[in-house]
Amino acid sequence: MDICREIADGTKLDSIDFTPEKLLKVMRNVKQNSAPGPDGFPPLLLKNLAHCLAYPLSAIFTSFMSVGQVPQAWKWATVTPVFKGGIASDPSNYTPISLTSIFSKLMESVIVLDMLHYCRQQGLISKQQHGFLAKKSTVTNMLSCMND
């Protein structure tokens, strides 16, 4: 049985590397038809200019991380109600969707990549973990459970 282990004292994730290569990888996976956030920059723009923006954004994100702050505008979201179904006049039939800056999403994606890599390297994620991991889902969890 695979059990998560504790990491040794002094072992830590002390930096996130915002390399242009990582940013290009993340920018390739941007959903280009998504709505722009409050800053008005559409994801398609980011995807089309990925090669031009990768190096400057890597420097900017590294700078933000070194001072531990992000722009105030990244803390804003445009909340849009999305109709789920049922009676349109019933507010409970709507789900709020928060649209945030594509640049904050990009920075967050690189942080998640580094954190997941670190957790896997340190053996902190069990093989039984299925939620919130790439190529793992409730379906793979159910298949694993049924197989056992």
C-alpha atoms as a PDB file:
ATOM      1  CA  MET A   1       0.000   0.000   0.000  1.00  0.00           C
ATOM      2  CA  ASP A   2       1.308   3.427  -0.931  1.00  0.00           C
ATOM      3  CA  ILE A   3       1.396   5.749   2.075  1.00  0.00           C
ATOM      4  CA  CYS A   4       2.352   9.403   1.905  1.00  0.00           C
ATOM      5  CA  ARG A   5       5.473  10.166   3.871  1.00  0.00           C
ATOM      6  CA  GLU A   6       6.725  13.169   5.742  1.00  0.00           C
ATOM      7  CA  ILE A   7       9.630  15.096   4.312  1.00  0.00           C
ATOM      8  CA  ALA A   8      12.882  15.588   6.182  1.00  0.00           C
ATOM      9  CA  ASP A   9      13.451  18.728   8.214  1.00  0.00           C
ATOM     10  CA  GLY A  10      15.030  21.479   6.164  1.00  0.00           C
ATOM     11  CA  THR A  11      13.567  20.205   2.879  1.00  0.00           C
ATOM     12  CA  LYS A  12      11.446  22.904   1.308  1.00  0.00           C
ATOM     13  CA  LEU A  13      10.190  24.380  -1.883  1.00  0.00           C
ATOM     14  CA  ASP A  14      12.028  27.671  -1.652  1.00  0.00           C
ATOM     15  CA  SER A  15      11.540  29.064  -5.139  1.00  0.00           C
ATOM     16  CA  ILE A  16       9.366  28.893  -8.206  1.00  0.00           C
ATOM     17  CA  ASP A  17      11.151  29.067 -11.542  1.00  0.00           C
ATOM     18  CA  PHE A  18       9.297  31.177 -14.091  1.00  0.00           C
ATOM     19  CA  THR A  19      11.355  30.134 -17.091  1.00  0.00           C
ATOM     20  CA  PRO A  20      10.273  31.212 -20.584  1.00  0.00           C
ATOM     21  CA  GLU A  21      10.005  27.501 -21.505  1.00  0.00           C
ATOM     22  CA  LYS A  22       7.517  26.810 -18.694  1.00  0.00           C
ATOM     23  CA  LEU A  23       5.512  29.864 -19.655  1.00  0.00           C
ATOM     24  CA  LEU A  24       5.392  28.765 -23.300  1.00  0.00           C
ATOM     25  CA  LYS A  25       4.167  25.325 -22.211  1.00  0.00           C
ATOM     26  CA  VAL A  26       1.419  26.860 -20.081  1.00  0.00           C
ATOM     27  CA  MET A  27       0.477  29.426 -22.745  1.00  0.00           C
ATOM     28  CA  ARG A  28       0.006  26.643 -25.316  1.00  0.00           C
ATOM     29  CA  ASN A  29      -2.726  25.200 -23.076  1.00  0.00           C
ATOM     30  CA  VAL A  30      -4.648  28.459 -22.647  1.00  0.00           C
ATOM     31  CA  LYS A  31      -8.298  28.140 -23.626  1.00  0.00           C
ATOM     32  CA  GLN A  32      -8.379  30.715 -26.385  1.00  0.00           C
ATOM     33  CA  ASN A  33     -12.156  31.130 -26.442  1.00  0.00           C
ATOM     34  CA  SER A  34     -12.398  32.051 -22.761  1.00  0.00           C
ATOM     35  CA  ALA A  35     -13.767  35.447 -21.823  1.00  0.00           C
ATOM     36  CA  PRO A  36     -11.295  38.174 -20.850  1.00  0.00           C
ATOM     37  CA  GLY A  37     -10.960  39.170 -17.217  1.00  0.00           C
ATOM     38  CA  PRO A  38     -11.478  42.658 -15.773  1.00  0.00           C
ATOM     39  CA  ASP A  39      -8.246  43.866 -17.416  1.00  0.00           C
ATOM     40  CA  GLY A  40      -9.751  43.218 -20.875  1.00  0.00           C
ATOM     41  CA  PHE A  41      -6.892  41.057 -22.223  1.00  0.00           C
ATOM     42  CA  PRO A  42      -8.357  38.099 -24.144  1.00  0.00           C
ATOM     43  CA  PRO A  43      -6.661  34.689 -23.783  1.00  0.00           C
ATOM     44  CA  LEU A  44      -6.360  34.472 -27.589  1.00  0.00           C
ATOM     45  CA  LEU A  45      -3.988  37.463 -27.514  1.00  0.00           C
ATOM     46  CA  LEU A  46      -1.762  35.678 -24.991  1.00  0.00           C
ATOM     47  CA  LYS A  47      -1.783  32.477 -27.035  1.00  0.00           C
ATOM     48  CA  ASN A  48      -0.948  34.261 -30.318  1.00  0.00           C
ATOM     49  CA  LEU A  49       1.873  36.313 -28.789  1.00  0.00           C
ATOM     50  CA  ALA A  50       3.289  33.545 -26.585  1.00  0.00           C
ATOM     51  CA  HIS A  51       6.769  33.574 -28.134  1.00  0.00           C
ATOM     52  CA  CYS A  52       7.034  37.360 -27.768  1.00  0.00           C
ATOM     53  CA  LEU A  53       5.687  37.443 -24.207  1.00  0.00           C
ATOM     54  CA  ALA A  54       7.389  34.416 -22.610  1.00  0.00           C
ATOM     55  CA  TYR A  55      10.683  36.112 -21.687  1.00  0.00           C
ATOM     56  CA  PRO A  56       9.265  39.451 -20.437  1.00  0.00           C
ATOM     57  CA  LEU A  57       6.557  37.672 -18.428  1.00  0.00           C
ATOM     58  CA  SER A  58       9.119  35.329 -16.873  1.00  0.00           C
ATOM     59  CA  ALA A  59      11.061  38.376 -15.633  1.00  0.00           C
ATOM     60  CA  ILE A  60       7.899  40.109 -14.388  1.00  0.00           C
ATOM     61  CA  PHE A  61       6.590  37.018 -12.567  1.00  0.00           C
ATOM     62  CA  THR A  62      10.004  36.399 -10.981  1.00  0.00           C
ATOM     63  CA  SER A  63       9.985  39.999  -9.783  1.00  0.00           C
ATOM     64  CA  PHE A  64       6.484  39.648  -8.296  1.00  0.00           C
ATOM     65  CA  MET A  65       7.500  36.452  -6.518  1.00  0.00           C
ATOM     66  CA  SER A  66      10.678  38.008  -5.103  1.00  0.00           C
ATOM     67  CA  VAL A  67       8.717  40.794  -3.394  1.00  0.00           C
ATOM     68  CA  GLY A  68       5.725  38.590  -2.568  1.00  0.00           C
ATOM     69  CA  GLN A  69       3.150  40.802  -4.237  1.00  0.00           C
ATOM     70  CA  VAL A  70       1.044  40.857  -7.373  1.00  0.00           C
ATOM     71  CA  PRO A  71      -0.695  43.830  -8.999  1.00  0.00           C
ATOM     72  CA  GLN A  72      -3.847  45.004  -7.248  1.00  0.00           C
ATOM     73  CA  ALA A  73      -5.774  44.560 -10.514  1.00  0.00           C
ATOM     74  CA  TRP A  74      -5.121  40.804 -10.337  1.00  0.00           C
ATOM     75  CA  LYS A  75      -7.149  40.642  -7.136  1.00  0.00           C
ATOM     76  CA  TRP A  76     -10.288  41.781  -8.943  1.00  0.00           C
ATOM     77  CA  ALA A  77     -12.765  39.549 -10.745  1.00  0.00           C
ATOM     78  CA  THR A  78     -15.792  40.071 -12.910  1.00  0.00           C
ATOM     79  CA  VAL A  79     -18.519  37.791 -11.560  1.00  0.00           C
ATOM     80  CA  THR A  80     -20.998  36.601 -14.156  1.00  0.00           C
ATOM     81  CA  PRO A  81     -24.077  34.474 -13.441  1.00  0.00           C
ATOM     82  CA  VAL A  82     -24.327  31.410 -15.693  1.00  0.00           C
ATOM     83  CA  PHE A  83     -27.728  29.765 -16.077  1.00  0.00           C
ATOM     84  CA  LYS A  84     -27.764  26.095 -14.954  1.00  0.00           C
ATOM     85  CA  GLY A  85     -31.306  25.230 -15.977  1.00  0.00           C
ATOM     86  CA  GLY A  86     -34.802  25.342 -14.575  1.00  0.00           C
ATOM     87  CA  ILE A  87     -36.816  28.495 -14.020  1.00  0.00           C
ATOM     88  CA  ALA A  88     -34.861  31.513 -15.243  1.00  0.00           C
ATOM     89  CA  SER A  89     -36.377  33.841 -12.623  1.00  0.00           C
ATOM     90  CA  ASP A  90     -35.030  31.703  -9.727  1.00  0.00           C
ATOM     91  CA  PRO A  91     -31.593  33.008  -8.605  1.00  0.00           C
ATOM     92  CA  SER A  92     -30.626  29.545  -7.296  1.00  0.00           C
ATOM     93  CA  ASN A  93     -30.591  28.309 -10.903  1.00  0.00           C
ATOM     94  CA  TYR A  94     -27.479  30.371 -11.630  1.00  0.00           C
ATOM     95  CA  THR A  95     -23.832  29.590 -10.883  1.00  0.00           C
ATOM     96  CA  PRO A  96     -21.459  32.527 -10.332  1.00  0.00           C
ATOM     97  CA  ILE A  97     -18.350  32.403 -12.540  1.00  0.00           C
ATOM     98  CA  SER A  98     -15.384  34.635 -11.629  1.00  0.00           C
ATOM     99  CA  LEU A  99     -13.373  35.982 -14.537  1.00  0.00           C
ATOM    100  CA  THR A 100      -9.864  36.988 -13.471  1.00  0.00           C
ATOM    101  CA  SER A 101      -6.828  38.311 -15.325  1.00  0.00           C
ATOM    102  CA  ILE A 102      -5.298  35.868 -17.812  1.00  0.00           C
ATOM    103  CA  PHE A 103      -1.861  36.919 -16.542  1.00  0.00           C
ATOM    104  CA  SER A 104      -2.686  35.926 -12.956  1.00  0.00           C
ATOM    105  CA  LYS A 105      -3.992  32.581 -14.239  1.00  0.00           C
ATOM    106  CA  LEU A 106      -0.754  32.089 -16.162  1.00  0.00           C
ATOM    107  CA  MET A 107       1.403  32.820 -13.111  1.00  0.00           C
ATOM    108  CA  GLU A 108      -0.790  30.530 -10.989  1.00  0.00           C
ATOM    109  CA  SER A 109      -0.419  27.693 -13.516  1.00  0.00           C
ATOM    110  CA  VAL A 110       3.389  27.828 -13.323  1.00  0.00           C
ATOM    111  CA  ILE A 111       3.228  27.824  -9.510  1.00  0.00           C
ATOM    112  CA  VAL A 112       0.951  24.760  -9.597  1.00  0.00           C
ATOM    113  CA  LEU A 113       3.358  22.949 -11.955  1.00  0.00           C
ATOM    114  CA  ASP A 114       6.309  23.540  -9.621  1.00  0.00           C
ATOM    115  CA  MET A 115       4.323  22.627  -6.507  1.00  0.00           C
ATOM    116  CA  LEU A 116       3.052  19.377  -8.037  1.00  0.00           C
ATOM    117  CA  HIS A 117       6.558  18.488  -9.220  1.00  0.00           C
ATOM    118  CA  TYR A 118       7.923  19.119  -5.727  1.00  0.00           C
ATOM    119  CA  CYS A 119       5.157  17.097  -4.030  1.00  0.00           C
ATOM    120  CA  ARG A 120       5.671  14.154  -6.376  1.00  0.00           C
ATOM    121  CA  GLN A 121       9.459  14.336  -5.970  1.00  0.00           C
ATOM    122  CA  GLN A 122       9.090  14.243  -2.173  1.00  0.00           C
ATOM    123  CA  GLY A 123       6.509  11.431  -2.271  1.00  0.00           C
ATOM    124  CA  LEU A 124       3.803  13.639  -0.767  1.00  0.00           C
ATOM    125  CA  ILE A 125       1.060  12.615  -3.178  1.00  0.00           C
ATOM    126  CA  SER A 126      -0.313   9.109  -2.777  1.00  0.00           C
ATOM    127  CA  LYS A 127      -1.046   6.900  -5.770  1.00  0.00           C
ATOM    128  CA  GLN A 128      -4.603   6.772  -4.433  1.00  0.00           C
ATOM    129  CA  GLN A 129      -4.980  10.524  -5.031  1.00  0.00           C
ATOM    130  CA  HIS A 130      -7.210  11.092  -8.039  1.00  0.00           C
ATOM    131  CA  GLY A 131      -8.748  14.549  -7.624  1.00  0.00           C
ATOM    132  CA  PHE A 132      -7.047  17.641  -9.049  1.00  0.00           C
ATOM    133  CA  LEU A 133      -4.337  15.713 -10.891  1.00  0.00           C
ATOM    134  CA  ALA A 134      -3.810  15.501 -14.649  1.00  0.00           C
ATOM    135  CA  LYS A 135      -5.066  12.277 -16.225  1.00  0.00           C
ATOM    136  CA  LYS A 136      -6.806  11.307 -12.973  1.00  0.00           C
ATOM    137  CA  SER A 137     -10.507  11.694 -12.277  1.00  0.00           C
ATOM    138  CA  THR A 138     -13.508  10.213 -10.536  1.00  0.00           C
ATOM    139  CA  VAL A 139     -13.577   7.655 -13.370  1.00  0.00           C
ATOM    140  CA  THR A 140      -9.996   6.484 -12.759  1.00  0.00           C
ATOM    141  CA  ASN A 141     -10.739   6.444  -9.030  1.00  0.00           C
ATOM    142  CA  MET A 142     -13.817   4.266  -9.582  1.00  0.00           C
ATOM    143  CA  LEU A 143     -11.914   1.911 -11.915  1.00  0.00           C
ATOM    144  CA  SER A 144      -9.157   1.548  -9.347  1.00  0.00           C
ATOM    145  CA  CYS A 145     -11.698   0.869  -6.598  1.00  0.00           C
ATOM    146  CA  MET A 146     -13.594  -1.692  -8.697  1.00  0.00           C
ATOM    147  CA  ASN A 147     -10.317  -3.396  -9.632  1.00  0.00           C
ATOM    148  CA  ASP A 148      -9.416  -3.736  -5.921  1.00  0.00           C
END
